[in-house]
Every structure is written in structure tokens, then in C-alpha cells.
Amino acid sequence: MKPNIGIVNALVRITFGVAILSWTTAKMVKQPWRDSYLCIAMLAAMKIAEGVTRFCPLTALLEKYQEQTAEKEVETTVINPT
């Protein structure tokens, strides 16, 4: 797993992930029956994990898609031999 985000991007993800995670846990203490806070907490934890590992699966997927479309453009160009 090769890092695909920079240091600054990783630090921003960790910072905002911790902030959102702390906010949602405070809200979950007051209203534990709300499932939306649990989903937001999971997304914040995912952002923290992305920052720590410096790997974002969505960025990797987008880069792979862009490489594939670039290859298709090269393959579709026809050179006229005449």
C-alpha cells in the first residue's frame, strides 16, 4: 500500500477527524439512540485512519480510473498509414 496523499493532507485529515470524532462522541453520550452519530463517528475514524496511513482508497480509485481512460484514448487514436 503506497501512500497517495501528502503530509499536509494527512495532518488535515487527522485534525478534522479527531475534531469530528470528539464532537460525535459527545453527542452520542447525550443521545445514544440516534444512529446518525454512530455513522458520522465511523466516517471520522476512517478519516483518521487515512491520515495515519497516508492512503485514501477513493484517491487511489480515481487515479486508477484516470490511468485507464488515458490508455483508452491512446488506443483509440488511429494512425492513417496513407
PDB file of N, CA and C in Angstrom:
ATOM      1  N   MET A   1       0.846  -1.162   0.000  1.00  0.00           N
ATOM      2  CA  MET A   1       0.000   0.000   0.000  1.00  0.00           C
ATOM      3  C   MET A   1       0.898   1.233   0.000  1.00  0.00           C
ATOM      4  N   LYS A   2       0.953   1.884  -1.130  1.00  0.00           N
ATOM      5  CA  LYS A   2       1.804   3.047  -1.324  1.00  0.00           C
ATOM      6  C   LYS A   2       1.050   4.307  -0.918  1.00  0.00           C
ATOM      7  N   PRO A   3       1.668   5.206  -0.148  1.00  0.00           N
ATOM      8  CA  PRO A   3       0.972   6.449   0.235  1.00  0.00           C
ATOM      9  C   PRO A   3       0.601   7.267  -0.997  1.00  0.00           C
ATOM     10  N   ASN A   4      -0.634   7.751  -1.024  1.00  0.00           N
ATOM     11  CA  ASN A   4      -1.063   8.542  -2.171  1.00  0.00           C
ATOM     12  C   ASN A   4      -1.567   9.928  -1.772  1.00  0.00           C
ATOM     13  N   ILE A   5      -1.357  10.332  -0.518  1.00  0.00           N
ATOM     14  CA  ILE A   5      -1.672  11.699  -0.106  1.00  0.00           C
ATOM     15  C   ILE A   5      -0.448  12.284   0.592  1.00  0.00           C
ATOM     16  N   GLY A   6      -0.352  13.579   0.585  1.00  0.00           N
ATOM     17  CA  GLY A   6       0.805  14.251   1.144  1.00  0.00           C
ATOM     18  C   GLY A   6       0.731  14.398   2.661  1.00  0.00           C
ATOM     19  N   ILE A   7       1.802  14.923   3.222  1.00  0.00           N
ATOM     20  CA  ILE A   7       1.911  15.106   4.670  1.00  0.00           C
ATOM     21  C   ILE A   7       0.875  16.115   5.169  1.00  0.00           C
ATOM     22  N   VAL A   8       0.768  17.237   4.484  1.00  0.00           N
ATOM     23  CA  VAL A   8      -0.174  18.279   4.917  1.00  0.00           C
ATOM     24  C   VAL A   8      -1.612  17.760   4.836  1.00  0.00           C
ATOM     25  N   ASN A   9      -1.924  17.071   3.753  1.00  0.00           N
ATOM     26  CA  ASN A   9      -3.256  16.494   3.595  1.00  0.00           C
ATOM     27  C   ASN A   9      -3.528  15.488   4.714  1.00  0.00           C
ATOM     28  N   ALA A  10      -2.557  14.682   5.066  1.00  0.00           N
ATOM     29  CA  ALA A  10      -2.724  13.701   6.137  1.00  0.00           C
ATOM     30  C   ALA A  10      -2.948  14.390   7.481  1.00  0.00           C
ATOM     31  N   LEU A  11      -2.198  15.442   7.752  1.00  0.00           N
ATOM     32  CA  LEU A  11      -2.372  16.165   9.011  1.00  0.00           C
ATOM     33  C   LEU A  11      -3.739  16.830   9.094  1.00  0.00           C
ATOM     34  N   VAL A  12      -4.226  17.351   7.985  1.00  0.00           N
ATOM     35  CA  VAL A  12      -5.564  17.952   7.963  1.00  0.00           C
ATOM     36  C   VAL A  12      -6.629  16.890   8.216  1.00  0.00           C
ATOM     37  N   ARG A  13      -6.470  15.722   7.588  1.00  0.00           N
ATOM     38  CA  ARG A  13      -7.438  14.638   7.802  1.00  0.00           C
ATOM     39  C   ARG A  13      -7.441  14.177   9.255  1.00  0.00           C
ATOM     40  N   ILE A  14      -6.276  14.065   9.862  1.00  0.00           N
ATOM     41  CA  ILE A  14      -6.196  13.642  11.262  1.00  0.00           C
ATOM     42  C   ILE A  14      -6.844  14.689  12.159  1.00  0.00           C
ATOM     43  N   THR A  15      -6.538  15.953  11.922  1.00  0.00           N
ATOM     44  CA  THR A  15      -7.072  17.033  12.760  1.00  0.00           C
ATOM     45  C   THR A  15      -8.591  17.093  12.692  1.00  0.00           C
ATOM     46  N   PHE A  16      -9.133  17.128  11.478  1.00  0.00           N
ATOM     47  CA  PHE A  16     -10.581  17.198  11.343  1.00  0.00           C
ATOM     48  C   PHE A  16     -11.253  15.900  11.781  1.00  0.00           C
ATOM     49  N   GLY A  17     -10.598  14.780  11.558  1.00  0.00           N
ATOM     50  CA  GLY A  17     -11.159  13.507  12.003  1.00  0.00           C
ATOM     51  C   GLY A  17     -11.286  13.435  13.512  1.00  0.00           C
ATOM     52  N   VAL A  18     -10.259  13.888  14.227  1.00  0.00           N
ATOM     53  CA  VAL A  18     -10.308  13.885  15.691  1.00  0.00           C
ATOM     54  C   VAL A  18     -11.359  14.874  16.187  1.00  0.00           C
ATOM     55  N   ALA A  19     -11.454  16.032  15.551  1.00  0.00           N
ATOM     56  CA  ALA A  19     -12.445  17.026  15.967  1.00  0.00           C
ATOM     57  C   ALA A  19     -13.867  16.497  15.777  1.00  0.00           C
ATOM     58  N   ILE A  20     -14.139  15.908  14.630  1.00  0.00           N
ATOM     59  CA  ILE A  20     -15.479  15.388  14.363  1.00  0.00           C
ATOM     60  C   ILE A  20     -15.774  14.182  15.249  1.00  0.00           C
ATOM     61  N   LEU A  21     -14.779  13.338  15.474  1.00  0.00           N
ATOM     62  CA  LEU A  21     -14.979  12.177  16.336  1.00  0.00           C
ATOM     63  C   LEU A  21     -15.283  12.595  17.774  1.00  0.00           C
ATOM     64  N   SER A  22     -14.592  13.607  18.263  1.00  0.00           N
ATOM     65  CA  SER A  22     -14.867  14.063  19.625  1.00  0.00           C
ATOM     66  C   SER A  22     -16.251  14.708  19.718  1.00  0.00           C
ATOM     67  N   TRP A  23     -16.655  15.438  18.678  1.00  0.00           N
ATOM     68  CA  TRP A  23     -17.989  16.043  18.674  1.00  0.00           C
ATOM     69  C   TRP A  23     -19.081  14.970  18.671  1.00  0.00           C
ATOM     70  N   THR A  24     -18.905  13.947  17.824  1.00  0.00           N
ATOM     71  CA  THR A  24     -19.936  12.909  17.758  1.00  0.00           C
ATOM     72  C   THR A  24     -19.995  12.071  19.027  1.00  0.00           C
ATOM     73  N   THR A  25     -18.860  11.806  19.656  1.00  0.00           N
ATOM     74  CA  THR A  25     -18.916  11.033  20.900  1.00  0.00           C
ATOM     75  C   THR A  25     -19.595  11.833  22.006  1.00  0.00           C
ATOM     76  N   ALA A  26     -19.390  13.155  22.019  1.00  0.00           N
ATOM     77  CA  ALA A  26     -20.094  13.991  22.995  1.00  0.00           C
ATOM     78  C   ALA A  26     -21.596  13.975  22.734  1.00  0.00           C
ATOM     79  N   LYS A  27     -21.994  13.998  21.486  1.00  0.00           N
ATOM     80  CA  LYS A  27     -23.416  13.940  21.147  1.00  0.00           C
ATOM     81  C   LYS A  27     -24.006  12.559  21.449  1.00  0.00           C
ATOM     82  N   MET A  28     -23.212  11.506  21.234  1.00  0.00           N
ATOM     83  CA  MET A  28     -23.712  10.151  21.490  1.00  0.00           C
ATOM     84  C   MET A  28     -23.922   9.905  22.985  1.00  0.00           C
ATOM     85  N   VAL A  29     -23.163  10.581  23.836  1.00  0.00           N
ATOM     86  CA  VAL A  29     -23.360  10.435  25.277  1.00  0.00           C
ATOM     87  C   VAL A  29     -24.714  11.010  25.674  1.00  0.00           C
ATOM     88  N   LYS A  30     -25.094  12.138  25.061  1.00  0.00           N
ATOM     89  CA  LYS A  30     -26.361  12.771  25.398  1.00  0.00           C
ATOM     90  C   LYS A  30     -27.552  12.077  24.747  1.00  0.00           C
ATOM     91  N   GLN A  31     -27.377  11.591  23.519  1.00  0.00           N
ATOM     92  CA  GLN A  31     -28.472  10.960  22.774  1.00  0.00           C
ATOM     93  C   GLN A  31     -27.993   9.638  22.166  1.00  0.00           C
ATOM     94  N   PRO A  32     -27.896   8.584  22.967  1.00  0.00           N
ATOM     95  CA  PRO A  32     -27.344   7.320  22.446  1.00  0.00           C
ATOM     96  C   PRO A  32     -28.258   6.590  21.459  1.00  0.00           C
ATOM     97  N   TRP A  33     -29.524   6.951  21.375  1.00  0.00           N
ATOM     98  CA  TRP A  33     -30.449   6.255  20.492  1.00  0.00           C
ATOM     99  C   TRP A  33     -30.359   6.737  19.048  1.00  0.00           C
ATOM    100  N   ARG A  34     -29.627   7.799  18.781  1.00  0.00           N
ATOM    101  CA  ARG A  34     -29.513   8.325  17.423  1.00  0.00           C
ATOM    102  C   ARG A  34     -28.416   7.583  16.673  1.00  0.00           C
ATOM    103  N   ASP A  35     -28.784   6.930  15.595  1.00  0.00           N
ATOM    104  CA  ASP A  35     -27.816   6.161  14.804  1.00  0.00           C
ATOM    105  C   ASP A  35     -26.959   7.036  13.905  1.00  0.00           C
ATOM    106  N   SER A  36     -27.425   8.241  13.607  1.00  0.00           N
ATOM    107  CA  SER A  36     -26.673   9.106  12.697  1.00  0.00           C
ATOM    108  C   SER A  36     -25.320   9.490  13.299  1.00  0.00           C
ATOM    109  N   TYR A  37     -25.267   9.646  14.619  1.00  0.00           N
ATOM    110  CA  TYR A  37     -23.998   9.993  15.249  1.00  0.00           C
ATOM    111  C   TYR A  37     -22.994   8.846  15.137  1.00  0.00           C
ATOM    112  N   LEU A  38     -23.479   7.635  15.178  1.00  0.00           N
ATOM    113  CA  LEU A  38     -22.587   6.483  15.029  1.00  0.00           C
ATOM    114  C   LEU A  38     -21.992   6.435  13.625  1.00  0.00           C
ATOM    115  N   CYS A  39     -22.804   6.721  12.622  1.00  0.00           N
ATOM    116  CA  CYS A  39     -22.303   6.743  11.241  1.00  0.00           C
ATOM    117  C   CYS A  39     -21.263   7.846  11.044  1.00  0.00           C
ATOM    118  N   ILE A  40     -21.526   9.013  11.609  1.00  0.00           N
ATOM    119  CA  ILE A  40     -20.574  10.114  11.487  1.00  0.00           C
ATOM    120  C   ILE A  40     -19.278   9.780  12.225  1.00  0.00           C
ATOM    121  N   ALA A  41     -19.395   9.110  13.370  1.00  0.00           N
ATOM    122  CA  ALA A  41     -18.195   8.709  14.113  1.00  0.00           C
ATOM    123  C   ALA A  41     -17.363   7.719  13.310  1.00  0.00           C
ATOM    124  N   MET A  42     -18.009   6.811  12.599  1.00  0.00           N
ATOM    125  CA  MET A  42     -17.275   5.859  11.760  1.00  0.00           C
ATOM    126  C   MET A  42     -16.562   6.571  10.609  1.00  0.00           C
ATOM    127  N   LEU A  43     -17.228   7.549  10.005  1.00  0.00           N
ATOM    128  CA  LEU A  43     -16.586   8.307   8.929  1.00  0.00           C
ATOM    129  C   LEU A  43     -15.399   9.108   9.450  1.00  0.00           C
ATOM    130  N   ALA A  44     -15.526   9.671  10.642  1.00  0.00           N
ATOM    131  CA  ALA A  44     -14.408  10.418  11.234  1.00  0.00           C
ATOM    132  C   ALA A  44     -13.245   9.484  11.543  1.00  0.00           C
ATOM    133  N   ALA A  45     -13.549   8.295  12.050  1.00  0.00           N
ATOM    134  CA  ALA A  45     -12.489   7.320  12.326  1.00  0.00           C
ATOM    135  C   ALA A  45     -11.795   6.891  11.035  1.00  0.00           C
ATOM    136  N   MET A  46     -12.566   6.801   9.948  1.00  0.00           N
ATOM    137  CA  MET A  46     -11.976   6.455   8.664  1.00  0.00           C
ATOM    138  C   MET A  46     -11.019   7.557   8.201  1.00  0.00           C
ATOM    139  N   LYS A  47     -11.391   8.819   8.418  1.00  0.00           N
ATOM    140  CA  LYS A  47     -10.511   9.928   8.039  1.00  0.00           C
ATOM    141  C   LYS A  47      -9.233   9.923   8.872  1.00  0.00           C
ATOM    142  N   ILE A  48      -9.336   9.584  10.141  1.00  0.00           N
ATOM    143  CA  ILE A  48      -8.141   9.484  10.984  1.00  0.00           C
ATOM    144  C   ILE A  48      -7.229   8.372  10.463  1.00  0.00           C
ATOM    145  N   ALA A  49      -7.812   7.231  10.128  1.00  0.00           N
ATOM    146  CA  ALA A  49      -7.021   6.108   9.613  1.00  0.00           C
ATOM    147  C   ALA A  49      -6.359   6.466   8.285  1.00  0.00           C
ATOM    148  N   GLU A  50      -7.064   7.199   7.423  1.00  0.00           N
ATOM    149  CA  GLU A  50      -6.471   7.633   6.159  1.00  0.00           C
ATOM    150  C   GLU A  50      -5.290   8.560   6.404  1.00  0.00           C
ATOM    151  N   GLY A  51      -5.414   9.433   7.385  1.00  0.00           N
ATOM    152  CA  GLY A  51      -4.316  10.345   7.687  1.00  0.00           C
ATOM    153  C   GLY A  51      -3.114   9.631   8.256  1.00  0.00           C
ATOM    154  N   VAL A  52      -3.350   8.645   9.115  1.00  0.00           N
ATOM    155  CA  VAL A  52      -2.240   7.916   9.728  1.00  0.00           C
ATOM    156  C   VAL A  52      -1.510   7.076   8.692  1.00  0.00           C
ATOM    157  N   THR A  53      -2.248   6.378   7.838  1.00  0.00           N
ATOM    158  CA  THR A  53      -1.619   5.513   6.837  1.00  0.00           C
ATOM    159  C   THR A  53      -1.204   6.263   5.576  1.00  0.00           C
ATOM    160  N   ARG A  54      -1.713   7.497   5.414  1.00  0.00           N
ATOM    161  CA  ARG A  54      -1.464   8.310   4.226  1.00  0.00           C
ATOM    162  C   ARG A  54      -1.916   7.607   2.951  1.00  0.00           C
ATOM    163  N   PHE A  55      -2.998   6.853   3.057  1.00  0.00           N
ATOM    164  CA  PHE A  55      -3.566   6.172   1.900  1.00  0.00           C
ATOM    165  C   PHE A  55      -5.071   6.401   1.886  1.00  0.00           C
ATOM    166  N   CYS A  56      -5.566   6.927   0.785  1.00  0.00           N
ATOM    167  CA  CYS A  56      -7.001   7.154   0.624  1.00  0.00           C
ATOM    168  C   CYS A  56      -7.501   6.244  -0.497  1.00  0.00           C
ATOM    169  N   PRO A  57      -8.438   5.352  -0.199  1.00  0.00           N
ATOM    170  CA  PRO A  57      -8.929   4.448  -1.238  1.00  0.00           C
ATOM    171  C   PRO A  57      -9.650   5.172  -2.372  1.00  0.00           C
ATOM    172  N   LEU A  58     -10.360   6.257  -2.073  1.00  0.00           N
ATOM    173  CA  LEU A  58     -11.051   6.989  -3.132  1.00  0.00           C
ATOM    174  C   LEU A  58     -10.057   7.678  -4.066  1.00  0.00           C
ATOM    175  N   THR A  59      -8.985   8.202  -3.526  1.00  0.00           N
ATOM    176  CA  THR A  59      -7.949   8.814  -4.359  1.00  0.00           C
ATOM    177  C   THR A  59      -7.285   7.763  -5.243  1.00  0.00           C
ATOM    178  N   ALA A  60      -7.026   6.592  -4.684  1.00  0.00           N
ATOM    179  CA  ALA A  60      -6.424   5.508  -5.468  1.00  0.00           C
ATOM    180  C   ALA A  60      -7.363   5.066  -6.594  1.00  0.00           C
ATOM    181  N   LEU A  61      -8.651   4.995  -6.286  1.00  0.00           N
ATOM    182  CA  LEU A  61      -9.634   4.606  -7.295  1.00  0.00           C
ATOM    183  C   LEU A  61      -9.708   5.640  -8.411  1.00  0.00           C
ATOM    184  N   LEU A  62      -9.678   6.919  -8.047  1.00  0.00           N
ATOM    185  CA  LEU A  62      -9.717   7.980  -9.050  1.00  0.00           C
ATOM    186  C   LEU A  62      -8.462   7.970  -9.917  1.00  0.00           C
ATOM    187  N   GLU A  63      -7.298   7.767  -9.324  1.00  0.00           N
ATOM    188  CA  GLU A  63      -6.063   7.700 -10.098  1.00  0.00           C
ATOM    189  C   GLU A  63      -6.066   6.524 -11.064  1.00  0.00           C
ATOM    190  N   LYS A  64      -6.577   5.383 -10.607  1.00  0.00           N
ATOM    191  CA  LYS A  64      -6.660   4.198 -11.466  1.00  0.00           C
ATOM    192  C   LYS A  64      -7.608   4.450 -12.638  1.00  0.00           C
ATOM    193  N   TYR A  65      -8.734   5.102 -12.369  1.00  0.00           N
ATOM    194  CA  TYR A  65      -9.695   5.414 -13.425  1.00  0.00           C
ATOM    195  C   TYR A  65      -9.087   6.361 -14.457  1.00  0.00           C
ATOM    196  N   GLN A  66      -8.349   7.363 -13.983  1.00  0.00           N
ATOM    197  CA  GLN A  66      -7.724   8.308 -14.895  1.00  0.00           C
ATOM    198  C   GLN A  66      -6.664   7.637 -15.759  1.00  0.00           C
ATOM    199  N   GLU A  67      -5.922   6.690 -15.200  1.00  0.00           N
ATOM    200  CA  GLU A  67      -4.933   5.948 -15.983  1.00  0.00           C
ATOM    201  C   GLU A  67      -5.605   5.106 -17.056  1.00  0.00           C
ATOM    202  N   GLN A  68      -6.731   4.471 -16.697  1.00  0.00           N
ATOM    203  CA  GLN A  68      -7.433   3.634 -17.665  1.00  0.00           C
ATOM    204  C   GLN A  68      -8.016   4.467 -18.805  1.00  0.00           C
ATOM    205  N   THR A  69      -8.567   5.633 -18.485  1.00  0.00           N
ATOM    206  CA  THR A  69      -9.118   6.465 -19.558  1.00  0.00           C
ATOM    207  C   THR A  69      -8.015   7.021 -20.441  1.00  0.00           C
ATOM    208  N   ALA A  70      -6.851   7.295 -19.869  1.00  0.00           N
ATOM    209  CA  ALA A  70      -5.730   7.764 -20.685  1.00  0.00           C
ATOM    210  C   ALA A  70      -5.255   6.662 -21.630  1.00  0.00           C
ATOM    211  N   GLU A  71      -5.246   5.415 -21.168  1.00  0.00           N
ATOM    212  CA  GLU A  71      -4.853   4.297 -22.030  1.00  0.00           C
ATOM    213  C   GLU A  71      -5.860   4.097 -23.151  1.00  0.00           C
ATOM    214  N   LYS A  72      -7.151   4.267 -22.855  1.00  0.00           N
ATOM    215  CA  LYS A  72      -8.176   4.110 -23.888  1.00  0.00           C
ATOM    216  C   LYS A  72      -8.042   5.189 -24.955  1.00  0.00           C
ATOM    217  N   GLU A  73      -7.694   6.400 -24.561  1.00  0.00           N
ATOM    218  CA  GLU A  73      -7.518   7.475 -25.528  1.00  0.00           C
ATOM    219  C   GLU A  73      -6.345   7.182 -26.455  1.00  0.00           C
ATOM    220  N   VAL A  74      -5.287   6.601 -25.907  1.00  0.00           N
ATOM    221  CA  VAL A  74      -4.126   6.262 -26.723  1.00  0.00           C
ATOM    222  C   VAL A  74      -4.485   5.134 -27.677  1.00  0.00           C
ATOM    223  N   GLU A  75      -5.247   4.149 -27.232  1.00  0.00           N
ATOM    224  CA  GLU A  75      -5.616   3.018 -28.067  1.00  0.00           C
ATOM    225  C   GLU A  75      -6.594   3.422 -29.170  1.00  0.00           C
ATOM    226  N   THR A  76      -7.465   4.378 -28.913  1.00  0.00           N
ATOM    227  CA  THR A  76      -8.484   4.737 -29.903  1.00  0.00           C
ATOM    228  C   THR A  76      -7.955   5.639 -31.010  1.00  0.00           C
ATOM    229  N   THR A  77      -6.811   6.235 -30.844  1.00  0.00           N
ATOM    230  CA  THR A  77      -6.274   7.069 -31.919  1.00  0.00           C
ATOM    231  C   THR A  77      -5.744   6.167 -33.037  1.00  0.00           C
ATOM    232  N   VAL A  78      -6.271   6.370 -34.200  1.00  0.00           N
ATOM    233  CA  VAL A  78      -5.885   5.560 -35.353  1.00  0.00           C
ATOM    234  C   VAL A  78      -4.954   6.386 -36.231  1.00  0.00           C
ATOM    235  N   ILE A  79      -3.844   5.800 -36.561  1.00  0.00           N
ATOM    236  CA  ILE A  79      -2.881   6.487 -37.431  1.00  0.00           C
ATOM    237  C   ILE A  79      -3.149   6.031 -38.852  1.00  0.00           C
ATOM    238  N   ASN A  80      -3.355   6.985 -39.722  1.00  0.00           N
ATOM    239  CA  ASN A  80      -3.644   6.689 -41.109  1.00  0.00           C
ATOM    240  C   ASN A  80      -2.331   6.376 -41.832  1.00  0.00           C
ATOM    241  N   PRO A  81      -2.172   5.174 -42.348  1.00  0.00           N
ATOM    242  CA  PRO A  81      -0.899   4.807 -42.984  1.00  0.00           C
ATOM    243  C   PRO A  81      -0.686   5.462 -44.345  1.00  0.00           C
ATOM    244  N   THR A  82      -1.690   6.061 -44.942  1.00  0.00           N
ATOM    245  CA  THR A  82      -1.506   6.654 -46.273  1.00  0.00           C
ATOM    246  C   THR A  82      -1.056   8.078 -46.228  1.00  0.00           C
TER     247      THR A  82
END
